[in-house]
Protein backbone atom coordinates (compact mmCIF):
# COMPACT_ATOMS: atom_id res chain seq x y z
CA UNK A 1 -8.39 14.30 32.61
CA UNK A 2 -8.18 13.94 28.67
CA UNK A 3 -5.75 14.30 26.14
CA UNK A 4 -6.10 18.21 25.90
CA UNK A 5 -5.42 18.71 29.61
CA UNK A 6 -1.80 16.53 29.23
CA UNK A 7 -1.21 18.74 25.95
CA UNK A 8 -1.41 22.03 28.56
CA UNK A 9 0.39 20.34 30.78
CA UNK A 10 3.03 19.70 28.26
CA UNK A 11 2.48 23.47 26.73
CA UNK A 12 3.22 25.55 30.53
CA UNK A 13 6.23 22.90 31.35
CA UNK A 14 8.21 23.61 28.12
CA UNK A 15 7.08 27.58 28.07
CA UNK A 16 7.66 28.29 31.81
CA UNK A 17 4.93 30.83 31.52
CA UNK A 18 1.08 31.14 31.24
CA UNK A 19 1.37 34.06 28.28
CA UNK A 20 3.94 31.51 26.16
CA UNK A 21 1.79 28.33 26.31
CA UNK A 22 -1.19 30.78 25.59
CA UNK A 23 0.46 31.94 22.66
CA UNK A 24 1.53 28.12 21.65
CA UNK A 25 -1.87 27.23 22.46
CA UNK A 26 -4.11 29.67 20.80
CA UNK A 27 -6.18 30.67 23.49
CA UNK A 28 -6.68 33.49 26.52
CA UNK A 29 -4.46 33.63 29.57
CA UNK A 30 -7.57 33.93 31.78
CA UNK A 31 -8.77 30.71 29.98
CA UNK A 32 -5.53 28.82 30.25
CA UNK A 33 -5.33 29.68 33.83
CA UNK A 34 -8.71 28.35 34.58
CA UNK A 35 -8.26 25.37 32.96
CA UNK A 36 -5.01 24.78 35.00
CA UNK A 37 -6.63 25.85 37.75
CA UNK A 38 -9.66 23.17 37.24
CA UNK A 39 -6.95 20.49 36.85
CA UNK A 40 -5.36 21.14 39.97
CA UNK A 41 -8.26 21.03 41.66
CA UNK A 42 -9.57 17.56 40.28
CA UNK A 43 -6.48 16.04 40.69
CA UNK A 44 -5.80 17.74 44.42
CA UNK A 45 -2.31 18.82 43.99
CA UNK A 46 -0.14 21.37 42.18
CA UNK A 47 0.95 21.19 39.01
CA UNK A 48 3.33 24.20 39.19
CA UNK A 49 5.45 25.66 41.36
CA UNK A 50 5.34 29.88 40.84
CA UNK A 51 8.43 31.55 40.73
CA UNK A 52 9.43 35.07 40.06
CA UNK A 53 11.57 33.60 36.63
CA UNK A 54 9.01 31.70 35.72
CA UNK A 55 6.59 28.04 36.84
CA UNK A 56 8.54 24.82 37.77
CA UNK A 57 6.72 21.43 36.68
CA UNK A 58 5.92 19.06 39.87
CA UNK A 59 6.69 16.20 40.22
CA UNK A 60 2.96 15.11 39.77
CA UNK A 61 3.33 17.29 36.44
CA UNK A 62 6.42 15.36 35.67
CA UNK A 63 4.96 12.05 36.24
CA UNK A 64 1.95 12.90 34.15
CA UNK A 65 4.31 14.37 31.01
CA UNK A 66 6.18 11.03 31.25
CA UNK A 67 3.56 8.70 30.85
CA UNK A 68 1.91 10.94 28.33
CA UNK A 69 4.16 10.33 25.57
CA UNK A 70 3.22 6.86 24.93
CA UNK A 71 -0.22 7.85 24.69
CA UNK A 72 -0.31 10.78 22.36
CA UNK A 73 1.92 8.19 20.28
CA UNK A 74 -0.92 5.91 20.21
CA UNK A 75 -3.73 8.34 19.08
CA UNK A 76 -1.09 9.81 16.40
CA UNK A 77 -1.06 5.72 15.49
CA UNK A 78 -4.69 5.59 15.68
CA UNK A 79 -5.29 8.45 13.51
CA UNK A 80 -2.48 7.76 10.96
CA UNK A 81 -4.43 4.24 10.69
CA UNK A 82 -7.63 5.20 9.83
CA UNK A 83 -6.31 7.97 7.40
CA UNK A 84 -4.04 5.03 5.77
CA UNK A 85 -7.36 3.07 5.93
CA UNK A 86 -9.25 5.75 3.21
CA UNK A 87 -6.67 6.16 1.24
CA UNK A 88 -6.64 4.03 -2.12
CA UNK A 89 -5.44 6.02 -5.50
CA UNK A 90 -4.56 9.34 -3.38
CA UNK A 91 -2.90 10.29 -0.01
CA UNK A 92 0.42 9.97 1.32
CA UNK A 93 2.98 7.54 2.86
CA UNK A 94 6.19 8.83 4.95
CA UNK A 95 9.13 6.77 4.77
CA UNK A 96 12.30 6.51 6.48
CA UNK A 97 15.58 5.27 4.75
CA UNK A 98 18.95 4.54 6.11
CA UNK A 99 21.65 6.28 4.16
CA UNK A 100 23.19 3.08 2.15
CA UNK A 101 19.40 1.43 1.20
CA UNK A 102 18.89 5.82 0.14
CA UNK A 103 21.75 4.76 -2.58
CA UNK A 104 21.22 0.80 -3.23
CA UNK A 105 17.69 0.26 -3.26
CA UNK A 106 15.56 3.24 -3.54
CA UNK A 107 16.15 4.87 -7.03
CA UNK A 108 14.45 2.01 -8.32
CA UNK A 109 11.72 1.59 -5.80
CA UNK A 110 10.68 4.96 -6.67
CA UNK A 111 10.53 4.56 -10.02
CA UNK A 112 7.88 1.80 -9.70
CA UNK A 113 6.30 4.00 -6.91
CA UNK A 114 5.62 7.02 -9.36
CA UNK A 115 4.91 3.94 -12.51
CA UNK A 116 2.40 2.18 -10.53
CA UNK A 117 0.32 4.64 -8.23
CA UNK A 118 -2.20 7.73 -8.90
CA UNK A 119 -1.83 10.61 -6.99
CA UNK A 120 -0.21 9.51 -4.23
CA UNK A 121 2.45 11.82 -2.70
CA UNK A 122 5.75 9.85 -0.85
CA UNK A 123 7.74 11.49 1.70
CA UNK A 124 10.92 10.61 2.62
CA UNK A 125 13.40 11.32 4.99
CA UNK A 126 17.10 9.79 5.37
CA UNK A 127 18.08 9.53 9.12
CA UNK A 128 20.44 6.86 11.31
CA UNK A 129 18.81 4.02 13.03
CA UNK A 130 17.66 5.09 16.45
CA UNK A 131 16.56 8.33 14.78
CA UNK A 132 14.33 5.83 12.13
CA UNK A 133 12.58 3.59 14.90
CA UNK A 134 11.97 6.58 17.06
CA UNK A 135 9.93 8.35 14.69
CA UNK A 136 8.45 4.76 13.76
CA UNK A 137 7.06 4.07 16.81
CA UNK A 138 5.94 7.98 17.03
CA UNK A 139 3.91 7.41 13.99
CA UNK A 140 5.47 10.13 12.31
CA UNK A 141 6.95 7.48 9.49
CA UNK A 142 4.55 5.03 7.97
CA UNK A 143 7.59 2.35 6.79
CA UNK A 144 11.43 2.62 7.62
CA UNK A 145 14.13 0.72 5.96
CA UNK A 146 17.52 0.96 7.47
CA UNK A 147 20.80 -0.75 8.96
CA UNK A 148 18.39 -3.22 11.43
CA UNK A 149 18.95 -7.26 12.08
CA UNK A 150 15.09 -8.19 11.38
CA UNK A 151 15.01 -10.92 13.78
CA UNK A 152 16.11 -8.04 16.60
CA UNK A 153 12.75 -6.28 15.53
CA UNK A 154 10.08 -8.64 14.40
CA UNK A 155 7.64 -8.70 16.98
CA UNK A 156 3.75 -8.37 18.38
CA UNK A 157 4.40 -3.96 17.46
CA UNK A 158 5.90 -3.93 13.99
CA UNK A 159 6.57 -6.76 11.35
CA UNK A 160 10.61 -6.85 10.21
CA UNK A 161 11.31 -8.11 6.77
CA UNK A 162 14.86 -8.82 5.93
CA UNK A 163 16.44 -6.72 3.11
CA UNK A 164 19.87 -6.61 1.89
CA UNK A 165 22.53 -8.27 3.78
CA UNK A 166 26.17 -7.74 2.32
CA UNK A 167 29.54 -8.22 2.89
CA UNK A 168 31.75 -5.13 3.65
CA UNK A 169 34.82 -5.15 1.34
CA UNK A 170 37.48 -2.61 0.71
CA UNK A 171 38.66 -0.61 -2.44
CA UNK A 172 41.12 1.14 -3.60
CA UNK A 173 41.97 3.50 -7.19
CA UNK A 174 43.15 1.66 -9.94
CA UNK A 175 46.83 1.72 -9.63
CA UNK A 176 46.91 1.81 -5.98
CA UNK A 177 50.59 1.00 -4.65
CA UNK A 178 48.58 -1.98 -2.19
CA UNK A 179 48.16 -3.69 -6.13
CA UNK A 180 49.91 -6.44 -7.06
CA UNK A 181 50.90 -8.29 -3.75
CA UNK A 182 51.12 -11.86 -3.61
CA UNK A 183 49.36 -12.50 -0.22
CA UNK A 184 47.35 -9.48 1.76
CA UNK A 185 46.88 -9.12 5.71
CA UNK A 186 44.98 -6.53 7.18
CA UNK A 187 47.47 -5.00 9.28
CA UNK A 188 49.44 -4.74 6.47
CA UNK A 189 46.64 -2.23 5.64
CA UNK A 190 45.79 0.12 8.41
CA UNK A 191 49.19 2.18 6.93
CA UNK A 192 46.69 3.43 5.05
CA UNK A 193 43.65 5.71 5.54
CA UNK A 194 40.63 4.70 5.58
CA UNK A 195 37.33 5.97 4.51
CA UNK A 196 33.98 4.58 5.26
CA UNK A 197 29.70 5.53 6.09
CA UNK A 198 29.38 6.39 9.60
CA UNK A 199 29.45 2.66 11.53
CA UNK A 200 25.64 1.54 12.45
CA UNK A 201 23.52 -2.08 13.10
CA UNK A 202 25.72 -5.25 12.74
CA UNK A 203 28.84 -2.30 11.64
CA UNK A 204 28.57 -0.75 14.61
CA UNK A 205 29.54 -3.91 16.86
CA UNK A 206 33.15 -3.30 15.98
CA UNK A 207 34.12 -0.77 17.85
CA UNK A 208 37.51 -3.35 18.45
CA UNK A 209 37.99 -3.73 14.97
CA UNK A 210 41.55 -2.62 13.55
CA UNK A 211 40.13 -0.53 10.62
CA UNK A 212 36.90 0.20 12.08
CA UNK A 213 38.22 1.84 15.30
CA UNK A 214 40.63 3.56 13.16
CA UNK A 215 38.97 5.30 10.19
CA UNK A 216 39.81 8.88 9.09
CA UNK A 217 36.81 9.79 7.49
CA UNK A 218 33.48 8.61 8.26
CA UNK A 219 30.30 9.96 5.74
CA UNK A 220 27.04 8.99 4.82
CA UNK A 221 28.26 10.55 1.23
CA UNK A 222 29.09 7.87 -0.58
CA UNK A 223 29.87 9.68 -3.96
CA UNK A 224 32.24 11.97 -1.69
CA UNK A 225 33.87 8.24 -0.66
CA UNK A 226 33.71 7.01 -3.81
CA UNK A 227 35.42 9.87 -5.62
CA UNK A 228 37.62 10.49 -2.82
CA UNK A 229 39.45 6.77 -3.09
CA UNK A 230 39.37 7.16 -7.07
CA UNK A 231 41.52 9.92 -6.59
CA UNK A 232 43.85 9.39 -3.51
CA UNK A 233 45.62 6.36 -2.00
CA UNK A 234 42.65 6.27 0.65
CA UNK A 235 41.16 2.64 1.19
CA UNK A 236 37.42 2.58 1.27
CA UNK A 237 35.18 -0.04 3.08
CA UNK A 238 31.78 -0.49 2.50
CA UNK A 239 28.85 -2.95 1.16
CA UNK A 240 30.03 -4.85 -1.88
CA UNK A 241 26.72 -3.64 -3.41
CA UNK A 242 27.62 -0.11 -3.20
CA UNK A 243 31.03 -0.33 -5.61
CA UNK A 244 29.19 -2.21 -8.42
CA UNK A 245 29.48 0.09 -10.74
CA UNK A 246 32.50 1.01 -10.08
CA UNK A 247 34.35 -2.56 -9.91
CA UNK A 248 32.39 -3.02 -13.49
CA UNK A 249 33.99 0.10 -15.00
CA UNK A 250 37.51 -0.96 -13.21
CA UNK A 251 37.52 2.71 -11.62
CA UNK A 252 37.74 0.89 -7.97
CA UNK A 253 39.52 -2.43 -7.28
CA UNK A 254 38.59 -4.75 -4.64
CA UNK A 255 41.33 -5.62 -2.38
CA UNK A 256 41.55 -9.29 -1.81
CA UNK A 257 41.21 -9.20 2.12
CA UNK A 258 38.18 -10.23 4.42
CA UNK A 259 37.03 -7.56 6.76
CA UNK A 260 35.24 -9.96 8.52
CA UNK A 261 31.91 -7.77 8.91
CA UNK A 262 29.09 -7.56 7.85
CA UNK A 263 26.20 -5.12 6.82
CA UNK A 264 22.15 -6.27 7.54
CA UNK A 265 19.10 -4.19 7.04
CA UNK A 266 15.78 -4.79 7.28
CA UNK A 267 12.26 -3.26 6.29
CA UNK A 268 10.16 -2.37 9.77
CA UNK A 269 6.48 -1.54 8.93
CA UNK A 270 3.45 -1.80 11.41
CA UNK A 271 0.77 -4.59 11.06
CA UNK A 272 -2.15 -2.34 10.40
CA UNK A 273 -0.27 -0.21 7.94
CA UNK A 274 1.18 -3.39 6.05
CA UNK A 275 -2.99 -4.12 6.02
CA UNK A 276 -3.71 -0.88 3.96
CA UNK A 277 -3.18 -0.54 -0.02
CA UNK A 278 -0.70 2.06 0.09
CA UNK A 279 1.31 0.58 2.64
CA UNK A 280 1.12 -3.10 1.24
CA UNK A 281 2.18 -1.89 -2.02
CA UNK A 282 5.48 -0.19 -0.39
CA UNK A 283 6.52 -3.38 1.48
CA UNK A 284 6.22 -5.08 -1.50
CA UNK A 285 8.19 -2.89 -3.79
CA UNK A 286 10.85 -3.16 -1.78
CA UNK A 287 10.21 -7.13 -0.84
CA UNK A 288 10.60 -7.52 -4.61
CA UNK A 289 13.26 -5.90 -5.82
CA UNK A 290 16.02 -7.29 -2.91
CA UNK A 291 17.01 -10.18 -4.03
CA UNK A 292 18.81 -8.40 -7.12
CA UNK A 293 20.97 -6.25 -4.26
CA UNK A 294 22.04 -8.92 -2.42
CA UNK A 295 25.40 -10.16 -2.54
C-alpha cells in the first residue's frame, strides 16, 4: 500500500461512488475499479460494501483512513520543508494570526517584511486558535501567532515564542455616566451592556467571570467595538494595547477597576521551518517588535 492507494480509498469513501471518485481523481472508471480490486486482493479484505445507493466503507477502510491523516500531514511537512529550504529571496510563506495579533502587531511586521525581502509572497489567514493549530500541524501554515500560552505549546514538534502578554481592561466613552465616581466595584458595572472580542486562549477560561459570562456582543472586529463604545454607553473589554491610540486621544477612558484577566499570545513554528532563511526572518520580525506592544 502506498500514498496513492490511500488517496484512492479516501476519494471513494468521501464520494460514495466509483464514478464520482473517478472525476475527482481524474482517472477512468475501469482503471479505478482495477486499482481498488487489486488493493482489496493485497489486503485480503473488502474495503467497501456495495449497496444500491452507493459504496459504504468497511471497518478496514475507516481504519486505514484514520491512520492515513498523520501520514499525509508528514508528507506535506516534508514537501513544504523542501520548498522552504530552496527559497532564499523568492518564494512564499504562509502565516496564520489571531484577530488581536492581526490588529496589533501585524501592520508593523508587514511593513518591515515588505521592505526587507525580495520577490517573496506572504499569504495570511486570520482564524481561531483551534483552526490555526490544526492548519500548522497539517503543514497548511508555516508560522502561526495567536492566543496561545507558550509554556503549553513548546515541545519536540513545535517551538513557541512568547509574544504579547497584556492586562484586559474596561473602557468607556468620554462623558460616560460611570465616570466621576469615587470608587468602582466590578459588580456595579454589570448593569451596563458589555462588548468584547470572542473569548480565546487564557480569556476562554473565564466562563464564570461576572463580566465575560454576560457579554452583550462578541466580535473580533475591534474597529466596530471601539466605534460602538465611543457612540454609546456600552463598556468594552480587551487588551490595553488595543485601545492605546483611543486612550491617548481621550476618545476612550479606562475604567479604574481590575477585571483580573490577562490575555497571552505566542508564536508557534516548526523547528525545520525556523531553520530556513524566510522562516527565521519572519519569526525574528515578530520577536523583535513584541516588546513595543507589551504592557
